[in-house]
Amino acid sequence: MFNLTPSPTFRAQVPLSVPGSAKPLEVVFVFRHKTRSAMEKWLTRFVSGPSAEVLGEVIEGWELKRDGEAVEYSHTALAELCESYTPAMGEISDAYILEITRAKRKN
């Protein structure tokens, strides 16, 4: 059922590139929903100065492990991920933008 008021968060699998791996690895992110106007403001800030801090504004959590143990989401952990994996910031932001702006329909 369609709800006029969207859920405040949504989950999405984000493929992240890993050096030496032929295929990206999927990480589940929990993103924050933004209205159209809030999205435009966020996107303007992100494009003018992409940073883990600005990217973190749209992330509520993730399903990520380090050495088999769950890693709690934090801005510090996100900054570490983006620093360690160069394409990650773009891959995460691209996935968020695609999820929030495109309609999914079953054929």
N, C-alpha and C. Protein backbone atom coordinates (compact mmCIF):
# COMPACT_ATOMS: atom_id res chain seq x y z
N MET A 1 0.83 -1.18 0.00
CA MET A 1 0.00 0.00 0.00
C MET A 1 0.88 1.24 0.00
N PHE A 2 0.54 2.19 -0.81
CA PHE A 2 1.27 3.46 -0.90
C PHE A 2 0.87 4.33 0.28
N ASN A 3 1.85 4.95 0.91
CA ASN A 3 1.61 5.82 2.04
C ASN A 3 2.08 7.22 1.67
N LEU A 4 1.24 8.22 1.89
CA LEU A 4 1.59 9.60 1.55
C LEU A 4 2.82 10.08 2.32
N THR A 5 2.97 9.61 3.53
CA THR A 5 4.14 9.96 4.33
C THR A 5 5.14 8.82 4.25
N PRO A 6 6.31 9.04 3.63
CA PRO A 6 7.29 7.96 3.48
C PRO A 6 7.91 7.58 4.82
N SER A 7 8.40 6.36 4.84
CA SER A 7 9.14 5.89 6.01
C SER A 7 10.36 6.79 6.19
N PRO A 8 10.74 7.10 7.42
CA PRO A 8 11.90 7.98 7.62
C PRO A 8 13.23 7.36 7.21
N THR A 9 13.27 6.03 7.09
CA THR A 9 14.49 5.36 6.67
C THR A 9 14.16 4.26 5.67
N PHE A 10 15.16 3.87 4.90
CA PHE A 10 15.01 2.75 3.98
C PHE A 10 16.36 2.06 3.83
N ARG A 11 16.30 0.78 3.49
CA ARG A 11 17.50 -0.04 3.33
C ARG A 11 17.83 -0.19 1.86
N ALA A 12 19.13 -0.25 1.57
CA ALA A 12 19.57 -0.46 0.19
C ALA A 12 20.92 -1.17 0.20
N GLN A 13 21.07 -2.10 -0.72
CA GLN A 13 22.37 -2.75 -0.89
C GLN A 13 23.23 -1.86 -1.78
N VAL A 14 24.44 -1.59 -1.31
CA VAL A 14 25.36 -0.72 -2.04
C VAL A 14 26.60 -1.53 -2.42
N PRO A 15 26.86 -1.66 -3.73
CA PRO A 15 28.08 -2.36 -4.15
C PRO A 15 29.30 -1.45 -3.96
N LEU A 16 30.26 -1.94 -3.18
CA LEU A 16 31.49 -1.17 -2.93
C LEU A 16 32.68 -1.88 -3.57
N SER A 17 33.48 -1.11 -4.27
CA SER A 17 34.67 -1.65 -4.92
C SER A 17 35.74 -1.97 -3.88
N VAL A 18 36.38 -3.12 -4.06
CA VAL A 18 37.46 -3.54 -3.16
C VAL A 18 38.66 -3.86 -4.04
N PRO A 19 39.81 -3.22 -3.80
CA PRO A 19 40.99 -3.51 -4.61
C PRO A 19 41.31 -5.01 -4.59
N GLY A 20 41.60 -5.54 -5.77
CA GLY A 20 41.94 -6.95 -5.90
C GLY A 20 40.75 -7.87 -6.05
N SER A 21 39.56 -7.35 -5.89
CA SER A 21 38.35 -8.16 -6.02
C SER A 21 37.73 -7.90 -7.39
N ALA A 22 37.41 -8.96 -8.10
CA ALA A 22 36.84 -8.82 -9.45
C ALA A 22 35.44 -8.20 -9.41
N LYS A 23 34.73 -8.43 -8.32
CA LYS A 23 33.36 -7.91 -8.19
C LYS A 23 33.26 -7.04 -6.95
N PRO A 24 32.39 -6.03 -7.00
CA PRO A 24 32.16 -5.24 -5.79
C PRO A 24 31.49 -6.10 -4.71
N LEU A 25 31.67 -5.72 -3.48
CA LEU A 25 31.03 -6.41 -2.36
C LEU A 25 29.84 -5.58 -1.89
N GLU A 26 28.74 -6.25 -1.60
CA GLU A 26 27.51 -5.57 -1.20
C GLU A 26 27.52 -5.26 0.30
N VAL A 27 27.18 -4.04 0.63
CA VAL A 27 27.01 -3.61 2.01
C VAL A 27 25.60 -3.02 2.11
N VAL A 28 24.85 -3.44 3.12
CA VAL A 28 23.51 -2.89 3.32
C VAL A 28 23.64 -1.61 4.12
N PHE A 29 23.07 -0.54 3.59
CA PHE A 29 23.02 0.74 4.28
C PHE A 29 21.58 1.05 4.65
N VAL A 30 21.40 1.71 5.77
CA VAL A 30 20.11 2.24 6.14
C VAL A 30 20.21 3.75 5.92
N PHE A 31 19.45 4.22 4.95
CA PHE A 31 19.50 5.63 4.57
C PHE A 31 18.33 6.39 5.17
N ARG A 32 18.52 7.68 5.36
CA ARG A 32 17.45 8.57 5.81
C ARG A 32 16.73 9.13 4.58
N HIS A 33 15.43 9.13 4.64
CA HIS A 33 14.64 9.72 3.55
C HIS A 33 14.72 11.23 3.67
N LYS A 34 14.77 11.90 2.54
CA LYS A 34 14.72 13.37 2.50
C LYS A 34 13.63 13.79 1.53
N THR A 35 12.97 14.89 1.86
CA THR A 35 11.99 15.45 0.93
C THR A 35 12.73 15.99 -0.29
N ARG A 36 11.99 16.32 -1.30
CA ARG A 36 12.61 16.84 -2.52
C ARG A 36 13.45 18.09 -2.23
N SER A 37 12.89 19.05 -1.48
CA SER A 37 13.63 20.28 -1.21
C SER A 37 14.84 20.02 -0.31
N ALA A 38 14.70 19.16 0.68
CA ALA A 38 15.84 18.82 1.54
C ALA A 38 16.91 18.08 0.76
N MET A 39 16.47 17.24 -0.16
CA MET A 39 17.42 16.50 -1.01
C MET A 39 18.23 17.47 -1.88
N GLU A 40 17.55 18.45 -2.47
CA GLU A 40 18.24 19.44 -3.31
C GLU A 40 19.29 20.20 -2.51
N LYS A 41 18.95 20.59 -1.28
CA LYS A 41 19.90 21.32 -0.44
C LYS A 41 21.09 20.44 -0.07
N TRP A 42 20.80 19.19 0.31
CA TRP A 42 21.88 18.27 0.65
C TRP A 42 22.79 18.02 -0.54
N LEU A 43 22.19 17.79 -1.69
CA LEU A 43 22.96 17.50 -2.89
C LEU A 43 23.86 18.68 -3.27
N THR A 44 23.37 19.88 -3.14
CA THR A 44 24.17 21.08 -3.43
C THR A 44 25.39 21.12 -2.51
N ARG A 45 25.18 20.86 -1.22
CA ARG A 45 26.31 20.85 -0.28
C ARG A 45 27.28 19.73 -0.57
N PHE A 46 26.75 18.55 -0.92
CA PHE A 46 27.62 17.41 -1.18
C PHE A 46 28.46 17.63 -2.43
N VAL A 47 27.84 18.14 -3.48
CA VAL A 47 28.56 18.37 -4.73
C VAL A 47 29.62 19.46 -4.57
N SER A 48 29.32 20.49 -3.78
CA SER A 48 30.28 21.58 -3.63
C SER A 48 31.46 21.20 -2.74
N GLY A 49 31.30 20.21 -1.89
CA GLY A 49 32.40 19.80 -1.04
C GLY A 49 32.15 18.42 -0.47
N PRO A 50 32.27 17.39 -1.31
CA PRO A 50 31.96 16.04 -0.82
C PRO A 50 32.84 15.66 0.38
N SER A 51 32.20 15.17 1.41
CA SER A 51 32.93 14.74 2.60
C SER A 51 32.14 13.64 3.29
N ALA A 52 32.83 12.87 4.10
CA ALA A 52 32.16 11.83 4.87
C ALA A 52 31.15 12.46 5.83
N GLU A 53 31.44 13.65 6.31
CA GLU A 53 30.53 14.33 7.23
C GLU A 53 29.19 14.64 6.54
N VAL A 54 29.24 15.20 5.34
CA VAL A 54 28.00 15.52 4.61
C VAL A 54 27.31 14.22 4.18
N LEU A 55 28.06 13.25 3.71
CA LEU A 55 27.48 11.97 3.31
C LEU A 55 26.77 11.33 4.51
N GLY A 56 27.35 11.45 5.68
CA GLY A 56 26.79 10.86 6.89
C GLY A 56 25.43 11.39 7.26
N GLU A 57 25.06 12.54 6.74
CA GLU A 57 23.75 13.12 7.03
C GLU A 57 22.61 12.28 6.47
N VAL A 58 22.88 11.44 5.49
CA VAL A 58 21.82 10.63 4.89
C VAL A 58 21.92 9.16 5.30
N ILE A 59 22.86 8.84 6.19
CA ILE A 59 23.05 7.46 6.61
C ILE A 59 22.63 7.30 8.07
N GLU A 60 21.78 6.32 8.30
CA GLU A 60 21.31 6.00 9.65
C GLU A 60 22.11 4.84 10.24
N GLY A 61 22.52 3.91 9.37
CA GLY A 61 23.24 2.74 9.85
C GLY A 61 23.72 1.89 8.69
N TRP A 62 24.31 0.74 9.03
CA TRP A 62 24.80 -0.18 8.00
C TRP A 62 24.94 -1.58 8.59
N GLU A 63 25.14 -2.54 7.71
CA GLU A 63 25.47 -3.90 8.12
C GLU A 63 26.87 -4.16 7.58
N LEU A 64 27.86 -3.96 8.43
CA LEU A 64 29.25 -4.03 8.03
C LEU A 64 30.03 -4.77 9.12
N LYS A 65 30.99 -5.55 8.70
CA LYS A 65 31.80 -6.32 9.66
C LYS A 65 33.27 -6.01 9.48
N ARG A 66 34.01 -6.19 10.55
CA ARG A 66 35.48 -6.11 10.55
C ARG A 66 35.97 -7.34 11.29
N ASP A 67 36.73 -8.15 10.60
CA ASP A 67 37.24 -9.39 11.20
C ASP A 67 36.11 -10.24 11.78
N GLY A 68 34.98 -10.28 11.06
CA GLY A 68 33.85 -11.11 11.47
C GLY A 68 32.94 -10.49 12.52
N GLU A 69 33.31 -9.34 13.05
CA GLU A 69 32.51 -8.67 14.08
C GLU A 69 31.77 -7.47 13.48
N ALA A 70 30.53 -7.28 13.90
CA ALA A 70 29.75 -6.15 13.41
C ALA A 70 30.42 -4.84 13.81
N VAL A 71 30.42 -3.90 12.88
CA VAL A 71 30.97 -2.57 13.13
C VAL A 71 29.78 -1.62 13.28
N GLU A 72 29.68 -1.00 14.44
CA GLU A 72 28.60 -0.04 14.68
C GLU A 72 28.83 1.18 13.79
N TYR A 73 27.73 1.67 13.19
CA TYR A 73 27.86 2.84 12.34
C TYR A 73 28.16 4.08 13.19
N SER A 74 29.09 4.90 12.71
CA SER A 74 29.38 6.19 13.31
C SER A 74 30.01 7.05 12.21
N HIS A 75 30.04 8.35 12.44
CA HIS A 75 30.68 9.23 11.46
C HIS A 75 32.17 8.91 11.35
N THR A 76 32.78 8.52 12.47
CA THR A 76 34.20 8.16 12.46
C THR A 76 34.43 6.91 11.62
N ALA A 77 33.56 5.90 11.78
CA ALA A 77 33.70 4.66 11.00
C ALA A 77 33.44 4.93 9.52
N LEU A 78 32.48 5.80 9.21
CA LEU A 78 32.22 6.15 7.81
C LEU A 78 33.43 6.86 7.21
N ALA A 79 34.02 7.78 7.95
CA ALA A 79 35.21 8.48 7.46
C ALA A 79 36.35 7.49 7.22
N GLU A 80 36.50 6.50 8.08
CA GLU A 80 37.53 5.47 7.90
C GLU A 80 37.26 4.67 6.62
N LEU A 81 36.01 4.28 6.41
CA LEU A 81 35.65 3.54 5.20
C LEU A 81 35.99 4.35 3.95
N CYS A 82 35.59 5.62 3.94
CA CYS A 82 35.83 6.47 2.77
C CYS A 82 37.31 6.75 2.55
N GLU A 83 38.08 6.81 3.62
CA GLU A 83 39.52 7.02 3.51
C GLU A 83 40.22 5.76 3.01
N SER A 84 39.76 4.60 3.47
CA SER A 84 40.40 3.34 3.11
C SER A 84 40.05 2.86 1.71
N TYR A 85 38.84 3.15 1.26
CA TYR A 85 38.36 2.71 -0.05
C TYR A 85 37.97 3.94 -0.86
N THR A 86 38.87 4.38 -1.70
CA THR A 86 38.73 5.63 -2.43
C THR A 86 37.38 5.81 -3.13
N PRO A 87 36.87 4.81 -3.87
CA PRO A 87 35.60 5.02 -4.58
C PRO A 87 34.35 4.98 -3.69
N ALA A 88 34.50 4.60 -2.42
CA ALA A 88 33.34 4.35 -1.56
C ALA A 88 32.41 5.55 -1.44
N MET A 89 32.94 6.75 -1.27
CA MET A 89 32.08 7.92 -1.09
C MET A 89 31.17 8.12 -2.29
N GLY A 90 31.73 8.00 -3.48
CA GLY A 90 30.92 8.15 -4.69
C GLY A 90 29.94 7.01 -4.86
N GLU A 91 30.36 5.80 -4.53
CA GLU A 91 29.46 4.64 -4.69
C GLU A 91 28.29 4.72 -3.72
N ILE A 92 28.54 5.16 -2.49
CA ILE A 92 27.47 5.28 -1.51
C ILE A 92 26.51 6.40 -1.89
N SER A 93 27.05 7.55 -2.25
CA SER A 93 26.19 8.68 -2.62
C SER A 93 25.39 8.37 -3.89
N ASP A 94 26.02 7.71 -4.87
CA ASP A 94 25.30 7.33 -6.09
C ASP A 94 24.14 6.40 -5.77
N ALA A 95 24.38 5.42 -4.91
CA ALA A 95 23.32 4.47 -4.54
C ALA A 95 22.18 5.19 -3.83
N TYR A 96 22.51 6.10 -2.93
CA TYR A 96 21.48 6.86 -2.22
C TYR A 96 20.63 7.68 -3.19
N ILE A 97 21.30 8.40 -4.06
CA ILE A 97 20.59 9.25 -5.02
C ILE A 97 19.70 8.42 -5.92
N LEU A 98 20.21 7.29 -6.41
CA LEU A 98 19.39 6.41 -7.25
C LEU A 98 18.18 5.88 -6.50
N GLU A 99 18.37 5.47 -5.27
CA GLU A 99 17.27 4.91 -4.48
C GLU A 99 16.19 5.95 -4.22
N ILE A 100 16.59 7.17 -3.92
CA ILE A 100 15.60 8.17 -3.53
C ILE A 100 14.94 8.86 -4.73
N THR A 101 15.58 8.78 -5.90
CA THR A 101 15.02 9.51 -7.04
C THR A 101 14.36 8.64 -8.09
N ARG A 102 14.60 7.35 -8.09
CA ARG A 102 13.99 6.54 -9.14
C ARG A 102 12.87 5.69 -8.57
N ALA A 103 11.91 5.45 -9.41
CA ALA A 103 10.79 4.61 -9.02
C ALA A 103 11.09 3.18 -9.42
N LYS A 104 10.80 2.27 -8.51
CA LYS A 104 10.97 0.86 -8.82
C LYS A 104 9.59 0.28 -9.11
N ARG A 105 9.51 -0.46 -10.18
CA ARG A 105 8.24 -1.08 -10.55
C ARG A 105 8.47 -2.51 -10.95
N LYS A 106 7.55 -3.34 -10.57
CA LYS A 106 7.61 -4.73 -10.99
C LYS A 106 7.06 -4.82 -12.39
N ASN A 107 7.70 -5.66 -13.22
CA ASN A 107 7.21 -5.84 -14.59
C ASN A 107 6.19 -6.95 -14.64
